[in-house]
Amino acid sequence: MKIDFSLNGKKVSIDTLPEKRLIDVIREDFGLMTTKNACYSGECGSCIVQLEGQPVPACQIPVFTVRAKRIITIEGFMGTEKYLDIINAFNDMKCIPCPFCFTGKIMAVDSLIDNQRSPDTSEIMSLLSDHSCSCTSVTSFINGVKVAYQNREFRGEMLK
């Protein structure tokens, strides 16, 4: 089946089985290896991508469902100022996610601070609970998200 969609801002087309998982298409067909495929059950959070601006576990998405939609992976996100807001805040707060969960946490944090006015601790804890890796301290993660929000707000990137 031919499936057309946008991947990291570029129109792409792939001829594949419709039930193939998005994570496998991203990694195998497009060579974007930073998004991990750890659990294949949507529990660990390591495969989070943004589908139409919302964080989703790519291991749970059949590729036919992304027809004519926008997918952003960490590779597409890393070149943005929004990424720098998050990574700089995480570095400042000594919150360095491991390679296993890095992608999922960064992509989920971006969606949270894009869609919330000043996320509170409970919202940040809820986001953290969607990721099975505990490589970073809870306190440094919460502080990192709050500073990332402040960085983005300072640049005037928040939704009105």
C-alpha atoms as a PDB file:
ATOM      1  CA  MET A   1       0.000   0.000   0.000  1.00  0.00           C
ATOM      2  CA  LYS A   2       1.303   3.453  -0.876  1.00  0.00           C
ATOM      3  CA  ILE A   3       1.193   5.856   2.053  1.00  0.00           C
ATOM      4  CA  ASP A   4       2.015   9.563   1.751  1.00  0.00           C
ATOM      5  CA  PHE A   5       2.707  11.689   4.829  1.00  0.00           C
ATOM      6  CA  SER A   6       4.973  14.426   6.140  1.00  0.00           C
ATOM      7  CA  LEU A   7       8.072  13.345   8.058  1.00  0.00           C
ATOM      8  CA  ASN A   8      10.061  16.083   9.765  1.00  0.00           C
ATOM      9  CA  GLY A   9       8.639  18.712   7.437  1.00  0.00           C
ATOM     10  CA  LYS A  10       9.207  16.804   4.187  1.00  0.00           C
ATOM     11  CA  LYS A  11       6.579  15.049   2.116  1.00  0.00           C
ATOM     12  CA  VAL A  12       7.414  11.362   1.901  1.00  0.00           C
ATOM     13  CA  SER A  13       5.849   8.321   0.307  1.00  0.00           C
ATOM     14  CA  ILE A  14       6.327   4.688   1.169  1.00  0.00           C
ATOM     15  CA  ASP A  15       5.021   1.465  -0.304  1.00  0.00           C
ATOM     16  CA  THR A  16       4.613  -0.919   2.613  1.00  0.00           C
ATOM     17  CA  LEU A  17       2.243  -3.187   4.475  1.00  0.00           C
ATOM     18  CA  PRO A  18      -0.469  -1.007   6.040  1.00  0.00           C
ATOM     19  CA  GLU A  19      -0.179  -2.710   9.426  1.00  0.00           C
ATOM     20  CA  LYS A  20       3.575  -2.100   9.717  1.00  0.00           C
ATOM     21  CA  ARG A  21       4.260  -0.097  12.863  1.00  0.00           C
ATOM     22  CA  LEU A  22       5.290   3.522  12.484  1.00  0.00           C
ATOM     23  CA  ILE A  23       8.389   2.916  14.648  1.00  0.00           C
ATOM     24  CA  ASP A  24       9.607   0.287  12.174  1.00  0.00           C
ATOM     25  CA  VAL A  25       8.977   2.571   9.195  1.00  0.00           C
ATOM     26  CA  ILE A  26      10.837   5.432  10.881  1.00  0.00           C
ATOM     27  CA  ARG A  27      13.828   3.267  11.758  1.00  0.00           C
ATOM     28  CA  GLU A  28      14.010   0.733   8.926  1.00  0.00           C
ATOM     29  CA  ASP A  29      12.706   2.661   5.939  1.00  0.00           C
ATOM     30  CA  PHE A  30      13.918   6.161   6.787  1.00  0.00           C
ATOM     31  CA  GLY A  31      16.994   5.330   8.878  1.00  0.00           C
ATOM     32  CA  LEU A  32      16.012   7.584  11.789  1.00  0.00           C
ATOM     33  CA  MET A  33      17.498   5.535  14.595  1.00  0.00           C
ATOM     34  CA  THR A  34      17.296   7.943  17.551  1.00  0.00           C
ATOM     35  CA  THR A  35      13.664   7.035  18.224  1.00  0.00           C
ATOM     36  CA  LYS A  36      13.929   3.761  20.129  1.00  0.00           C
ATOM     37  CA  ASN A  37      11.815   0.621  19.880  1.00  0.00           C
ATOM     38  CA  ALA A  38      12.153  -0.856  23.342  1.00  0.00           C
ATOM     39  CA  CYS A  39       8.867  -2.391  24.517  1.00  0.00           C
ATOM     40  CA  TYR A  40       6.475  -2.508  21.523  1.00  0.00           C
ATOM     41  CA  SER A  41       3.594  -2.017  23.962  1.00  0.00           C
ATOM     42  CA  GLY A  42       3.541   1.775  24.359  1.00  0.00           C
ATOM     43  CA  GLU A  43       4.513   1.506  28.025  1.00  0.00           C
ATOM     44  CA  CYS A  44       8.129   2.695  28.118  1.00  0.00           C
ATOM     45  CA  GLY A  45       7.843   6.020  26.259  1.00  0.00           C
ATOM     46  CA  SER A  46      11.083   5.596  24.308  1.00  0.00           C
ATOM     47  CA  CYS A  47       9.365   5.700  20.898  1.00  0.00           C
ATOM     48  CA  ILE A  48       7.393   8.929  21.322  1.00  0.00           C
ATOM     49  CA  VAL A  49       6.980  11.005  18.167  1.00  0.00           C
ATOM     50  CA  GLN A  50       4.613  13.857  17.472  1.00  0.00           C
ATOM     51  CA  LEU A  51       1.653  13.044  15.267  1.00  0.00           C
ATOM     52  CA  GLU A  52      -0.155  16.226  14.281  1.00  0.00           C
ATOM     53  CA  GLY A  53       1.551  17.928  17.229  1.00  0.00           C
ATOM     54  CA  GLN A  54       0.539  15.335  19.845  1.00  0.00           C
ATOM     55  CA  PRO A  55       2.911  12.846  21.474  1.00  0.00           C
ATOM     56  CA  VAL A  56       2.148   9.246  20.512  1.00  0.00           C
ATOM     57  CA  PRO A  57       3.980   5.942  20.958  1.00  0.00           C
ATOM     58  CA  ALA A  58       5.165   5.091  17.440  1.00  0.00           C
ATOM     59  CA  CYS A  59       5.243   1.391  18.346  1.00  0.00           C
ATOM     60  CA  GLN A  60       1.451   1.426  18.634  1.00  0.00           C
ATOM     61  CA  ILE A  61       0.643   3.285  15.397  1.00  0.00           C
ATOM     62  CA  PRO A  62      -0.047   1.283  12.228  1.00  0.00           C
ATOM     63  CA  VAL A  63       1.522   3.248   9.390  1.00  0.00           C
ATOM     64  CA  PHE A  64      -1.702   3.386   7.359  1.00  0.00           C
ATOM     65  CA  THR A  65      -3.153   5.729  10.008  1.00  0.00           C
ATOM     66  CA  VAL A  66      -0.579   8.440   9.269  1.00  0.00           C
ATOM     67  CA  ARG A  67      -1.686   8.959   5.663  1.00  0.00           C
ATOM     68  CA  ALA A  68      -1.647  12.730   4.906  1.00  0.00           C
ATOM     69  CA  LYS A  69      -0.558  13.563   8.459  1.00  0.00           C
ATOM     70  CA  ARG A  70       2.492  15.264  10.030  1.00  0.00           C
ATOM     71  CA  ILE A  71       5.055  13.237  11.944  1.00  0.00           C
ATOM     72  CA  ILE A  72       7.948  14.865  13.790  1.00  0.00           C
ATOM     73  CA  THR A  73      10.716  12.688  15.208  1.00  0.00           C
ATOM     74  CA  ILE A  74      13.502  13.825  17.495  1.00  0.00           C
ATOM     75  CA  GLU A  75      15.763  14.162  14.448  1.00  0.00           C
ATOM     76  CA  GLY A  76      13.384  16.749  12.980  1.00  0.00           C
ATOM     77  CA  PHE A  77      12.899  18.463  16.310  1.00  0.00           C
ATOM     78  CA  MET A  78      16.594  18.791  17.223  1.00  0.00           C
ATOM     79  CA  GLY A  79      17.176  21.612  14.764  1.00  0.00           C
ATOM     80  CA  THR A  80      14.623  23.925  16.374  1.00  0.00           C
ATOM     81  CA  GLU A  81      14.817  26.641  18.999  1.00  0.00           C
ATOM     82  CA  LYS A  82      12.103  24.778  20.902  1.00  0.00           C
ATOM     83  CA  TYR A  83      14.522  21.858  21.280  1.00  0.00           C
ATOM     84  CA  LEU A  84      17.215  24.214  22.556  1.00  0.00           C
ATOM     85  CA  ASP A  85      14.777  25.589  25.158  1.00  0.00           C
ATOM     86  CA  ILE A  86      14.353  22.086  26.555  1.00  0.00           C
ATOM     87  CA  ILE A  87      17.892  20.736  26.277  1.00  0.00           C
ATOM     88  CA  ASN A  88      19.420  23.896  27.743  1.00  0.00           C
ATOM     89  CA  ALA A  89      16.972  23.800  30.646  1.00  0.00           C
ATOM     90  CA  PHE A  90      17.678  20.112  31.244  1.00  0.00           C
ATOM     91  CA  ASN A  91      21.424  20.753  31.196  1.00  0.00           C
ATOM     92  CA  ASP A  92      21.053  23.695  33.594  1.00  0.00           C
ATOM     93  CA  MET A  93      19.012  21.558  36.013  1.00  0.00           C
ATOM     94  CA  LYS A  94      21.359  18.548  35.689  1.00  0.00           C
ATOM     95  CA  CYS A  95      18.560  16.495  34.112  1.00  0.00           C
ATOM     96  CA  ILE A  96      20.240  14.370  31.466  1.00  0.00           C
ATOM     97  CA  PRO A  97      17.982  11.558  30.219  1.00  0.00           C
ATOM     98  CA  CYS A  98      19.771   8.410  29.090  1.00  0.00           C
ATOM     99  CA  PRO A  99      19.810   7.377  25.399  1.00  0.00           C
ATOM    100  CA  PHE A 100      16.974   4.936  26.110  1.00  0.00           C
ATOM    101  CA  CYS A 101      14.409   7.541  27.203  1.00  0.00           C
ATOM    102  CA  PHE A 102      15.897  10.787  25.847  1.00  0.00           C
ATOM    103  CA  THR A 103      13.712  10.955  22.734  1.00  0.00           C
ATOM    104  CA  GLY A 104      10.441  10.181  24.460  1.00  0.00           C
ATOM    105  CA  LYS A 105      10.953  12.599  27.314  1.00  0.00           C
ATOM    106  CA  ILE A 106      12.056  15.483  25.079  1.00  0.00           C
ATOM    107  CA  MET A 107       9.155  15.026  22.634  1.00  0.00           C
ATOM    108  CA  ALA A 108       6.605  14.697  25.443  1.00  0.00           C
ATOM    109  CA  VAL A 109       7.961  17.765  27.269  1.00  0.00           C
ATOM    110  CA  ASP A 110       7.670  19.803  24.082  1.00  0.00           C
ATOM    111  CA  SER A 111       4.007  18.891  23.704  1.00  0.00           C
ATOM    112  CA  LEU A 112       3.320  19.571  27.375  1.00  0.00           C
ATOM    113  CA  ILE A 113       4.802  23.062  27.371  1.00  0.00           C
ATOM    114  CA  ASP A 114       3.235  23.849  24.006  1.00  0.00           C
ATOM    115  CA  ASN A 115      -0.220  22.942  25.267  1.00  0.00           C
ATOM    116  CA  GLN A 116      -0.182  24.069  28.912  1.00  0.00           C
ATOM    117  CA  ARG A 117       0.081  27.442  30.497  1.00  0.00           C
ATOM    118  CA  SER A 118       2.917  27.003  33.000  1.00  0.00           C
ATOM    119  CA  PRO A 119       2.634  23.254  33.689  1.00  0.00           C
ATOM    120  CA  ASP A 120       2.409  22.453  37.368  1.00  0.00           C
ATOM    121  CA  THR A 121       4.197  19.708  39.255  1.00  0.00           C
ATOM    122  CA  SER A 122       1.296  17.236  39.006  1.00  0.00           C
ATOM    123  CA  GLU A 123       1.117  17.629  35.207  1.00  0.00           C
ATOM    124  CA  ILE A 124       4.865  17.108  34.941  1.00  0.00           C
ATOM    125  CA  MET A 125       4.684  14.046  37.223  1.00  0.00           C
ATOM    126  CA  SER A 126       1.912  12.627  35.050  1.00  0.00           C
ATOM    127  CA  LEU A 127       4.114  13.047  31.988  1.00  0.00           C
ATOM    128  CA  LEU A 128       7.026  11.394  33.793  1.00  0.00           C
ATOM    129  CA  SER A 129       4.846   8.424  34.752  1.00  0.00           C
ATOM    130  CA  ASP A 130       4.417   7.663  31.026  1.00  0.00           C
ATOM    131  CA  HIS A 131       8.129   6.786  30.820  1.00  0.00           C
ATOM    132  CA  SER A 132       9.449   3.647  32.463  1.00  0.00           C
ATOM    133  CA  CYS A 133      13.067   4.807  32.699  1.00  0.00           C
ATOM    134  CA  SER A 134      14.152   6.393  35.968  1.00  0.00           C
ATOM    135  CA  CYS A 135      17.580   7.616  34.877  1.00  0.00           C
ATOM    136  CA  THR A 136      16.972  11.197  36.002  1.00  0.00           C
ATOM    137  CA  SER A 137      15.905  12.452  39.391  1.00  0.00           C
ATOM    138  CA  VAL A 138      12.290  13.508  39.667  1.00  0.00           C
ATOM    139  CA  THR A 139      13.302  16.885  41.096  1.00  0.00           C
ATOM    140  CA  SER A 140      15.733  17.690  38.286  1.00  0.00           C
ATOM    141  CA  PHE A 141      13.146  16.614  35.688  1.00  0.00           C
ATOM    142  CA  ILE A 142      10.417  18.803  37.205  1.00  0.00           C
ATOM    143  CA  ASN A 143      12.800  21.755  37.452  1.00  0.00           C
ATOM    144  CA  GLY A 144      14.034  21.146  33.895  1.00  0.00           C
ATOM    145  CA  VAL A 145      10.494  21.222  32.496  1.00  0.00           C
ATOM    146  CA  LYS A 146       9.666  24.410  34.402  1.00  0.00           C
ATOM    147  CA  VAL A 147      12.834  26.136  33.169  1.00  0.00           C
ATOM    148  CA  ALA A 148      12.155  24.936  29.602  1.00  0.00           C
ATOM    149  CA  TYR A 149       8.707  26.516  29.838  1.00  0.00           C
ATOM    150  CA  GLN A 150      10.271  29.764  31.074  1.00  0.00           C
ATOM    151  CA  ASN A 151      12.811  29.669  28.229  1.00  0.00           C
ATOM    152  CA  ARG A 152      10.065  29.283  25.659  1.00  0.00           C
ATOM    153  CA  GLU A 153       7.902  31.917  27.306  1.00  0.00           C
ATOM    154  CA  PHE A 154      10.865  34.317  27.334  1.00  0.00           C
ATOM    155  CA  ARG A 155      11.272  33.848  23.575  1.00  0.00           C
ATOM    156  CA  GLY A 156       7.533  34.546  23.093  1.00  0.00           C
ATOM    157  CA  GLU A 157       6.786  31.060  21.738  1.00  0.00           C
ATOM    158  CA  MET A 158       3.842  30.263  23.974  1.00  0.00           C
ATOM    159  CA  LEU A 159       0.341  29.831  22.595  1.00  0.00           C
ATOM    160  CA  LYS A 160      -1.964  32.782  23.112  1.00  0.00           C
END
